[in-house]
Amino acid sequence: MATDEVFDVAVMAQGRLSADAVREVAAILGKDPYGTRLLLAGKIPKIVAQCQSAASAETLARSLRGLGLLTVVCPDSELHRPPSAIFIAHAFKPGEAEIVFRDRSGAAKTLKSQDVSLIIEGVLSPVVEKEPPREERKLNLPATLLLGGIPVWRRAKESPRNPPAQGEPFVRLYERDSAEPLLEIRRHDFDYSSLGEKMGLSSTANFNTLVGELRRIFPQAVFDRNMMEPSQANVSFAAPLDSVEINCRLIYLFHRAA
């Protein structure tokens, strides 16, 4: 049956590829070797191709796996599916056999230590509203001097100095059987008094301590912090605002496949 579904082929390069391997991958993808090396750079999975059928995507994936590349196929609609409402934890209370997280409304989510299979630490893409250029009147000094001191004004557009965008660190917890996170914690939206005597003086230090506590509480979970590098985005196949969600889903798929 005909379908309009597009299938993404994603690859995670395990270590630096040799020049010969890059040329072979480039030949399979129909790309130039230089662009292929850039595409495979970084520490997170990258979407390297899009196919019009599951069969053609799997054929391409088998060829890439034959070169030793960890490769997955996923319907594009799954990667771009709007995320479900994420439980944003604001505080937590560790217990002996379970951990209770609460959001700002007081709603609770209880997790046992074996419930979490993956912890992703990353940086949320900043949303920056740039101030538009403004028009100002400035004295035209040469013209003023030519007219014997009679002020002559000119209009000039001044570009404001917008502050550099700062992403917000976050951490997401996943169970084994769902690409949707169980919950998310953001550095600037958490009550660190939950840390007790381990609480420090800065949100950066407290967030790092919190991540360490999560790794201790969920010892069976794989810990992935490759998204801490903000440049690691699938921008060739995704809008920047979507890249965090897409990258998280790809990381989940690859850890499950591995």
C-alpha atoms as a PDB file:
ATOM      1  CA  MET A   1       0.000   0.000   0.000  1.00  0.00           C
ATOM      2  CA  ALA A   2       1.355   3.413  -0.973  1.00  0.00           C
ATOM      3  CA  THR A   3       2.364   5.743   1.821  1.00  0.00           C
ATOM      4  CA  ASP A   4       3.741   9.247   2.099  1.00  0.00           C
ATOM      5  CA  GLU A   5       5.838   8.300   5.125  1.00  0.00           C
ATOM      6  CA  VAL A   6       9.517   9.205   5.003  1.00  0.00           C
ATOM      7  CA  PHE A   7      12.066   7.090   6.872  1.00  0.00           C
ATOM      8  CA  ASP A   8      15.183   8.543   8.467  1.00  0.00           C
ATOM      9  CA  VAL A   9      18.471   6.654   8.539  1.00  0.00           C
ATOM     10  CA  ALA A  10      20.640   7.714  11.473  1.00  0.00           C
ATOM     11  CA  VAL A  11      24.227   6.776  12.256  1.00  0.00           C
ATOM     12  CA  MET A  12      26.398   7.050  15.337  1.00  0.00           C
ATOM     13  CA  ALA A  13      30.085   6.913  14.488  1.00  0.00           C
ATOM     14  CA  GLN A  14      32.002   4.986  17.137  1.00  0.00           C
ATOM     15  CA  GLY A  15      35.384   6.661  17.145  1.00  0.00           C
ATOM     16  CA  ARG A  16      37.156   8.507  14.369  1.00  0.00           C
ATOM     17  CA  LEU A  17      36.675   6.970  10.911  1.00  0.00           C
ATOM     18  CA  SER A  18      39.605   6.351   8.613  1.00  0.00           C
ATOM     19  CA  ALA A  19      39.812   8.189   5.291  1.00  0.00           C
ATOM     20  CA  ASP A  20      38.957   4.949   3.443  1.00  0.00           C
ATOM     21  CA  ALA A  21      35.896   4.362   5.660  1.00  0.00           C
ATOM     22  CA  VAL A  22      34.716   7.934   5.072  1.00  0.00           C
ATOM     23  CA  ARG A  23      35.019   7.449   1.308  1.00  0.00           C
ATOM     24  CA  GLU A  24      33.004   4.219   1.499  1.00  0.00           C
ATOM     25  CA  VAL A  25      30.274   5.875   3.564  1.00  0.00           C
ATOM     26  CA  ALA A  26      30.234   8.832   1.169  1.00  0.00           C
ATOM     27  CA  ALA A  27      29.814   6.473  -1.798  1.00  0.00           C
ATOM     28  CA  ILE A  28      26.870   4.734  -0.103  1.00  0.00           C
ATOM     29  CA  LEU A  29      25.190   8.043   0.760  1.00  0.00           C
ATOM     30  CA  GLY A  30      25.997   9.702  -2.568  1.00  0.00           C
ATOM     31  CA  LYS A  31      27.790  12.567  -0.842  1.00  0.00           C
ATOM     32  CA  ASP A  32      31.294  14.027  -1.075  1.00  0.00           C
ATOM     33  CA  PRO A  33      33.863  12.699   1.440  1.00  0.00           C
ATOM     34  CA  TYR A  34      34.507  16.097   3.054  1.00  0.00           C
ATOM     35  CA  GLY A  35      30.805  16.737   3.710  1.00  0.00           C
ATOM     36  CA  THR A  36      30.413  13.161   4.950  1.00  0.00           C
ATOM     37  CA  ARG A  37      33.227  13.561   7.485  1.00  0.00           C
ATOM     38  CA  LEU A  38      31.580  16.746   8.798  1.00  0.00           C
ATOM     39  CA  LEU A  39      28.204  14.997   8.922  1.00  0.00           C
ATOM     40  CA  LEU A  40      29.593  12.145  11.008  1.00  0.00           C
ATOM     41  CA  ALA A  41      31.537  14.415  13.369  1.00  0.00           C
ATOM     42  CA  GLY A  42      30.393  14.809  16.954  1.00  0.00           C
ATOM     43  CA  LYS A  43      29.204  12.500  19.684  1.00  0.00           C
ATOM     44  CA  ILE A  44      25.470  12.202  19.041  1.00  0.00           C
ATOM     45  CA  PRO A  45      23.606  10.221  16.351  1.00  0.00           C
ATOM     46  CA  LYS A  46      23.180  12.029  13.049  1.00  0.00           C
ATOM     47  CA  ILE A  47      20.483  11.653  10.416  1.00  0.00           C
ATOM     48  CA  VAL A  48      22.445  10.891   7.245  1.00  0.00           C
ATOM     49  CA  ALA A  49      19.658  10.111   4.770  1.00  0.00           C
ATOM     50  CA  GLN A  50      15.910  10.083   4.231  1.00  0.00           C
ATOM     51  CA  CYS A  51      14.207   7.359   2.195  1.00  0.00           C
ATOM     52  CA  GLN A  52      10.750   7.052   0.691  1.00  0.00           C
ATOM     53  CA  SER A  53      10.148   3.512   1.968  1.00  0.00           C
ATOM     54  CA  ALA A  54      11.052   1.336   4.925  1.00  0.00           C
ATOM     55  CA  ALA A  55      12.601  -1.239   2.581  1.00  0.00           C
ATOM     56  CA  SER A  56      14.995   1.252   0.941  1.00  0.00           C
ATOM     57  CA  ALA A  57      15.900   2.686   4.361  1.00  0.00           C
ATOM     58  CA  GLU A  58      16.713  -0.793   5.707  1.00  0.00           C
ATOM     59  CA  THR A  59      18.801  -1.598   2.618  1.00  0.00           C
ATOM     60  CA  LEU A  60      20.811   1.578   3.143  1.00  0.00           C
ATOM     61  CA  ALA A  61      21.132   0.835   6.863  1.00  0.00           C
ATOM     62  CA  ARG A  62      22.468  -2.676   6.184  1.00  0.00           C
ATOM     63  CA  SER A  63      25.170  -1.238   3.927  1.00  0.00           C
ATOM     64  CA  LEU A  64      26.232   1.206   6.649  1.00  0.00           C
ATOM     65  CA  ARG A  65      26.186  -1.512   9.313  1.00  0.00           C
ATOM     66  CA  GLY A  66      28.431  -3.544   7.041  1.00  0.00           C
ATOM     67  CA  LEU A  67      31.050  -0.801   7.530  1.00  0.00           C
ATOM     68  CA  GLY A  68      30.773  -1.156  11.297  1.00  0.00           C
ATOM     69  CA  LEU A  69      28.514   1.858  11.885  1.00  0.00           C
ATOM     70  CA  LEU A  70      25.753   1.626  14.476  1.00  0.00           C
ATOM     71  CA  THR A  71      22.663   2.500  12.407  1.00  0.00           C
ATOM     72  CA  VAL A  72      18.933   2.780  13.086  1.00  0.00           C
ATOM     73  CA  VAL A  73      15.881   3.457  10.916  1.00  0.00           C
ATOM     74  CA  CYS A  74      12.979   5.499  12.227  1.00  0.00           C
ATOM     75  CA  PRO A  75       9.839   6.954  10.620  1.00  0.00           C
ATOM     76  CA  ASP A  76      10.357  10.694  10.216  1.00  0.00           C
ATOM     77  CA  SER A  77       6.923  11.333  11.714  1.00  0.00           C
ATOM     78  CA  GLU A  78       8.072   9.666  14.934  1.00  0.00           C
ATOM     79  CA  LEU A  79      11.108  11.911  15.269  1.00  0.00           C
ATOM     80  CA  HIS A  80       9.077  15.042  14.530  1.00  0.00           C
ATOM     81  CA  ARG A  81       6.040  14.050  16.588  1.00  0.00           C
ATOM     82  CA  PRO A  82       5.122  16.858  19.012  1.00  0.00           C
ATOM     83  CA  PRO A  83       6.389  15.884  22.469  1.00  0.00           C
ATOM     84  CA  SER A  84       3.935  14.895  25.149  1.00  0.00           C
ATOM     85  CA  ALA A  85       3.548  17.173  28.128  1.00  0.00           C
ATOM     86  CA  ILE A  86       6.748  16.557  30.087  1.00  0.00           C
ATOM     87  CA  PHE A  87       6.638  16.309  33.871  1.00  0.00           C
ATOM     88  CA  ILE A  88       8.978  19.110  34.989  1.00  0.00           C
ATOM     89  CA  ALA A  89      10.248  18.133  38.421  1.00  0.00           C
ATOM     90  CA  HIS A  90      10.795  20.967  40.912  1.00  0.00           C
ATOM     91  CA  ALA A  91      11.854  18.913  43.952  1.00  0.00           C
ATOM     92  CA  PHE A  92      12.468  15.336  44.983  1.00  0.00           C
ATOM     93  CA  LYS A  93      12.545  13.272  48.142  1.00  0.00           C
ATOM     94  CA  PRO A  94      14.657  10.108  48.130  1.00  0.00           C
ATOM     95  CA  GLY A  95      13.369   7.103  50.039  1.00  0.00           C
ATOM     96  CA  GLU A  96      14.737   3.653  50.759  1.00  0.00           C
ATOM     97  CA  ALA A  97      12.968   1.867  47.881  1.00  0.00           C
ATOM     98  CA  GLU A  98      11.542   4.707  45.774  1.00  0.00           C
ATOM     99  CA  ILE A  99      11.992   8.383  44.905  1.00  0.00           C
ATOM    100  CA  VAL A 100       9.163  10.917  44.834  1.00  0.00           C
ATOM    101  CA  PHE A 101       9.422  13.876  42.438  1.00  0.00           C
ATOM    102  CA  ARG A 102       7.052  16.843  42.612  1.00  0.00           C
ATOM    103  CA  ASP A 103       6.370  19.617  40.127  1.00  0.00           C
ATOM    104  CA  ARG A 104       5.484  23.222  40.992  1.00  0.00           C
ATOM    105  CA  SER A 105       1.781  22.387  41.299  1.00  0.00           C
ATOM    106  CA  GLY A 106       2.517  19.692  43.882  1.00  0.00           C
ATOM    107  CA  ALA A 107       1.729  16.786  41.558  1.00  0.00           C
ATOM    108  CA  ALA A 108       3.884  13.757  42.359  1.00  0.00           C
ATOM    109  CA  LYS A 109       5.654  11.087  40.283  1.00  0.00           C
ATOM    110  CA  THR A 110       7.149   8.107  42.078  1.00  0.00           C
ATOM    111  CA  LEU A 111       9.995   6.092  40.568  1.00  0.00           C
ATOM    112  CA  LYS A 112      11.769   2.986  41.789  1.00  0.00           C
ATOM    113  CA  SER A 113      15.514   2.668  41.213  1.00  0.00           C
ATOM    114  CA  GLN A 114      15.015   0.045  38.474  1.00  0.00           C
ATOM    115  CA  ASP A 115      12.443   2.143  36.565  1.00  0.00           C
ATOM    116  CA  VAL A 116      15.024   4.325  34.810  1.00  0.00           C
ATOM    117  CA  SER A 117      17.180   2.916  31.991  1.00  0.00           C
ATOM    118  CA  LEU A 118      18.633   6.120  30.522  1.00  0.00           C
ATOM    119  CA  ILE A 119      19.629   9.545  31.860  1.00  0.00           C
ATOM    120  CA  ILE A 120      20.321  12.279  29.281  1.00  0.00           C
ATOM    121  CA  GLU A 121      22.027  15.493  30.324  1.00  0.00           C
ATOM    122  CA  GLY A 122      22.052  18.329  27.815  1.00  0.00           C
ATOM    123  CA  VAL A 123      21.459  21.998  27.114  1.00  0.00           C
ATOM    124  CA  LEU A 124      18.110  23.419  26.023  1.00  0.00           C
ATOM    125  CA  SER A 125      18.280  25.655  22.954  1.00  0.00           C
ATOM    126  CA  PRO A 126      17.891  29.295  24.039  1.00  0.00           C
ATOM    127  CA  VAL A 127      15.017  31.327  22.634  1.00  0.00           C
ATOM    128  CA  VAL A 128      16.357  34.816  21.946  1.00  0.00           C
ATOM    129  CA  GLU A 129      14.211  37.814  21.063  1.00  0.00           C
ATOM    130  CA  LYS A 130      16.575  40.275  19.424  1.00  0.00           C
ATOM    131  CA  GLU A 131      15.922  43.965  19.876  1.00  0.00           C
ATOM    132  CA  PRO A 132      15.379  45.591  16.451  1.00  0.00           C
ATOM    133  CA  PRO A 133      17.669  48.423  15.274  1.00  0.00           C
ATOM    134  CA  ARG A 134      16.587  51.845  16.495  1.00  0.00           C
ATOM    135  CA  GLU A 135      16.849  55.162  14.708  1.00  0.00           C
ATOM    136  CA  GLU A 136      18.642  58.039  16.436  1.00  0.00           C
ATOM    137  CA  ARG A 137      19.468  61.655  15.596  1.00  0.00           C
ATOM    138  CA  LYS A 138      23.166  62.446  15.483  1.00  0.00           C
ATOM    139  CA  LEU A 139      24.998  65.677  14.908  1.00  0.00           C
ATOM    140  CA  ASN A 140      26.551  65.921  11.427  1.00  0.00           C
ATOM    141  CA  LEU A 141      29.769  67.638  12.500  1.00  0.00           C
ATOM    142  CA  PRO A 142      31.313  68.364   9.033  1.00  0.00           C
ATOM    143  CA  ALA A 143      28.046  69.918   7.759  1.00  0.00           C
ATOM    144  CA  THR A 144      27.660  71.899  10.971  1.00  0.00           C
ATOM    145  CA  LEU A 145      31.167  73.377  10.595  1.00  0.00           C
ATOM    146  CA  LEU A 146      30.515  74.272   6.944  1.00  0.00           C
ATOM    147  CA  LEU A 147      27.420  76.241   8.001  1.00  0.00           C
ATOM    148  CA  GLY A 148      29.343  78.178  10.600  1.00  0.00           C
ATOM    149  CA  GLY A 149      28.122  76.279  13.594  1.00  0.00           C
ATOM    150  CA  ILE A 150      24.444  75.940  12.675  1.00  0.00           C
ATOM    151  CA  PRO A 151      23.556  72.420  13.888  1.00  0.00           C
ATOM    152  CA  VAL A 152      22.847  69.925  11.130  1.00  0.00           C
ATOM    153  CA  TRP A 153      21.344  66.634  12.222  1.00  0.00           C
ATOM    154  CA  ARG A 154      21.321  63.289  10.505  1.00  0.00           C
ATOM    155  CA  ARG A 155      19.407  60.095  11.195  1.00  0.00           C
ATOM    156  CA  ALA A 156      21.352  56.907  11.887  1.00  0.00           C
ATOM    157  CA  LYS A 157      20.271  53.370  12.709  1.00  0.00           C
ATOM    158  CA  GLU A 158      21.914  51.924  15.795  1.00  0.00           C
ATOM    159  CA  SER A 159      22.119  48.138  16.185  1.00  0.00           C
ATOM    160  CA  PRO A 160      21.610  47.191  19.836  1.00  0.00           C
ATOM    161  CA  ARG A 161      24.142  44.930  21.518  1.00  0.00           C
ATOM    162  CA  ASN A 162      22.086  41.840  22.164  1.00  0.00           C
ATOM    163  CA  PRO A 163      23.527  39.681  24.951  1.00  0.00           C
ATOM    164  CA  PRO A 164      24.863  36.250  23.927  1.00  0.00           C
ATOM    165  CA  ALA A 165      22.281  33.484  24.152  1.00  0.00           C
ATOM    166  CA  GLN A 166      22.686  31.109  27.077  1.00  0.00           C
ATOM    167  CA  GLY A 167      21.188  27.621  26.952  1.00  0.00           C
ATOM    168  CA  GLU A 168      19.771  26.055  30.101  1.00  0.00           C
ATOM    169  CA  PRO A 169      21.166  22.699  31.257  1.00  0.00           C
ATOM    170  CA  PHE A 170      18.606  19.945  31.773  1.00  0.00           C
ATOM    171  CA  VAL A 171      18.448  16.269  32.603  1.00  0.00           C
ATOM    172  CA  ARG A 172      15.819  13.759  31.411  1.00  0.00           C
ATOM    173  CA  LEU A 173      15.016  10.318  32.763  1.00  0.00           C
ATOM    174  CA  TYR A 174      13.764   7.496  30.490  1.00  0.00           C
ATOM    175  CA  GLU A 175      12.328   4.054  30.999  1.00  0.00           C
ATOM    176  CA  ARG A 176      13.324   1.260  28.636  1.00  0.00           C
ATOM    177  CA  ASP A 177      10.168   0.994  26.539  1.00  0.00           C
ATOM    178  CA  SER A 178       9.311   4.604  25.655  1.00  0.00           C
ATOM    179  CA  ALA A 179      11.077   7.429  23.831  1.00  0.00           C
ATOM    180  CA  GLU A 180       9.046   9.910  25.898  1.00  0.00           C
ATOM    181  CA  PRO A 181      10.898  11.024  29.042  1.00  0.00           C
ATOM    182  CA  LEU A 182       9.541  10.116  32.447  1.00  0.00           C
ATOM    183  CA  LEU A 183      10.444  13.579  33.677  1.00  0.00           C
ATOM    184  CA  GLU A 184      12.759  16.518  33.144  1.00  0.00           C
ATOM    185  CA  ILE A 185      14.744  18.689  35.548  1.00  0.00           C
ATOM    186  CA  ARG A 186      15.980  22.154  34.550  1.00  0.00           C
ATOM    187  CA  ARG A 187      18.844  23.877  36.304  1.00  0.00           C
ATOM    188  CA  HIS A 188      17.019  27.160  36.956  1.00  0.00           C
ATOM    189  CA  ASP A 189      13.698  25.568  37.940  1.00  0.00           C
ATOM    190  CA  PHE A 190      14.523  23.250  40.830  1.00  0.00           C
ATOM    191  CA  ASP A 191      14.371  23.530  44.597  1.00  0.00           C
ATOM    192  CA  TYR A 192      17.832  22.383  45.621  1.00  0.00           C
ATOM    193  CA  SER A 193      16.942  22.335  49.300  1.00  0.00           C
ATOM    194  CA  SER A 194      16.047  18.716  48.519  1.00  0.00           C
ATOM    195  CA  LEU A 195      19.814  18.074  48.562  1.00  0.00           C
ATOM    196  CA  GLY A 196      20.000  18.845  52.264  1.00  0.00           C
ATOM    197  CA  GLU A 197      23.549  19.273  53.553  1.00  0.00           C
ATOM    198  CA  LYS A 198      24.911  18.664  50.036  1.00  0.00           C
ATOM    199  CA  MET A 199      23.350  21.934  48.840  1.00  0.00           C
ATOM    200  CA  GLY A 200      25.930  24.475  47.633  1.00  0.00           C
ATOM    201  CA  LEU A 201      25.969  28.200  46.892  1.00  0.00           C
ATOM    202  CA  SER A 202      25.369  28.193  43.119  1.00  0.00           C
ATOM    203  CA  SER A 203      22.805  26.633  40.826  1.00  0.00           C
ATOM    204  CA  THR A 204      25.626  25.241  38.672  1.00  0.00           C
ATOM    205  CA  ALA A 205      27.214  23.380  41.574  1.00  0.00           C
ATOM    206  CA  ASN A 206      23.829  22.229  42.866  1.00  0.00           C
ATOM    207  CA  PHE A 207      22.750  20.983  39.449  1.00  0.00           C
ATOM    208  CA  ASN A 208      25.960  18.952  39.128  1.00  0.00           C
ATOM    209  CA  THR A 209      25.387  17.518  42.613  1.00  0.00           C
ATOM    210  CA  LEU A 210      21.803  16.671  41.665  1.00  0.00           C
ATOM    211  CA  VAL A 211      22.929  14.831  38.528  1.00  0.00           C
ATOM    212  CA  GLY A 212      25.354  12.864  40.669  1.00  0.00           C
ATOM    213  CA  GLU A 213      22.529  11.973  43.052  1.00  0.00           C
ATOM    214  CA  LEU A 214      20.378  10.756  40.153  1.00  0.00           C
ATOM    215  CA  ARG A 215      23.194   8.526  38.933  1.00  0.00           C
ATOM    216  CA  ARG A 216      23.523   7.098  42.439  1.00  0.00           C
ATOM    217  CA  ILE A 217      19.768   6.599  42.858  1.00  0.00           C
ATOM    218  CA  PHE A 218      19.407   4.935  39.432  1.00  0.00           C
ATOM    219  CA  PRO A 219      22.591   2.835  39.195  1.00  0.00           C
ATOM    220  CA  GLN A 220      21.312   0.656  36.341  1.00  0.00           C
ATOM    221  CA  ALA A 221      20.660   3.618  34.030  1.00  0.00           C
ATOM    222  CA  VAL A 222      22.997   4.507  31.170  1.00  0.00           C
ATOM    223  CA  PHE A 223      24.258   8.078  31.554  1.00  0.00           C
ATOM    224  CA  ASP A 224      24.641  10.167  28.376  1.00  0.00           C
ATOM    225  CA  ARG A 225      25.846  13.771  28.462  1.00  0.00           C
ATOM    226  CA  ASN A 226      26.887  14.195  24.824  1.00  0.00           C
ATOM    227  CA  MET A 227      24.195  16.832  24.326  1.00  0.00           C
ATOM    228  CA  MET A 228      26.131  19.149  26.644  1.00  0.00           C
ATOM    229  CA  GLU A 229      27.857  20.302  23.449  1.00  0.00           C
ATOM    230  CA  PRO A 230      25.337  22.788  21.958  1.00  0.00           C
ATOM    231  CA  SER A 231      26.789  22.415  18.447  1.00  0.00           C
ATOM    232  CA  GLN A 232      25.702  18.764  18.260  1.00  0.00           C
ATOM    233  CA  ALA A 233      22.427  19.278  16.371  1.00  0.00           C
ATOM    234  CA  ASN A 234      20.708  17.598  13.434  1.00  0.00           C
ATOM    235  CA  VAL A 235      20.202  20.999  11.813  1.00  0.00           C
ATOM    236  CA  SER A 236      20.308  19.630   8.265  1.00  0.00           C
ATOM    237  CA  PHE A 237      17.033  17.758   8.773  1.00  0.00           C
ATOM    238  CA  ALA A 238      15.434  19.700  11.640  1.00  0.00           C
ATOM    239  CA  ALA A 239      14.544  23.227  12.649  1.00  0.00           C
ATOM    240  CA  PRO A 240      16.763  24.460  15.505  1.00  0.00           C
ATOM    241  CA  LEU A 241      13.828  24.522  17.932  1.00  0.00           C
ATOM    242  CA  ASP A 242      13.179  20.843  17.187  1.00  0.00           C
ATOM    243  CA  SER A 243      16.771  19.683  17.451  1.00  0.00           C
ATOM    244  CA  VAL A 244      16.741  19.041  21.222  1.00  0.00           C
ATOM    245  CA  GLU A 245      13.690  16.769  20.975  1.00  0.00           C
ATOM    246  CA  ILE A 246      15.028  14.977  17.895  1.00  0.00           C
ATOM    247  CA  ASN A 247      18.469  14.477  19.416  1.00  0.00           C
ATOM    248  CA  CYS A 248      16.989  13.080  22.636  1.00  0.00           C
ATOM    249  CA  ARG A 249      14.841  10.613  20.698  1.00  0.00           C
ATOM    250  CA  LEU A 250      17.769   9.510  18.563  1.00  0.00           C
ATOM    251  CA  ILE A 251      19.971   9.011  21.627  1.00  0.00           C
ATOM    252  CA  TYR A 252      17.192   6.919  23.218  1.00  0.00           C
ATOM    253  CA  LEU A 253      16.817   4.800  20.034  1.00  0.00           C
ATOM    254  CA  PHE A 254      20.557   4.142  19.793  1.00  0.00           C
ATOM    255  CA  HIS A 255      20.916   3.176  23.445  1.00  0.00           C
ATOM    256  CA  ARG A 256      17.969   0.814  23.080  1.00  0.00           C
ATOM    257  CA  ALA A 257      19.461  -0.676  19.907  1.00  0.00           C
ATOM    258  CA  ALA A 258      22.846  -1.099  21.549  1.00  0.00           C
END
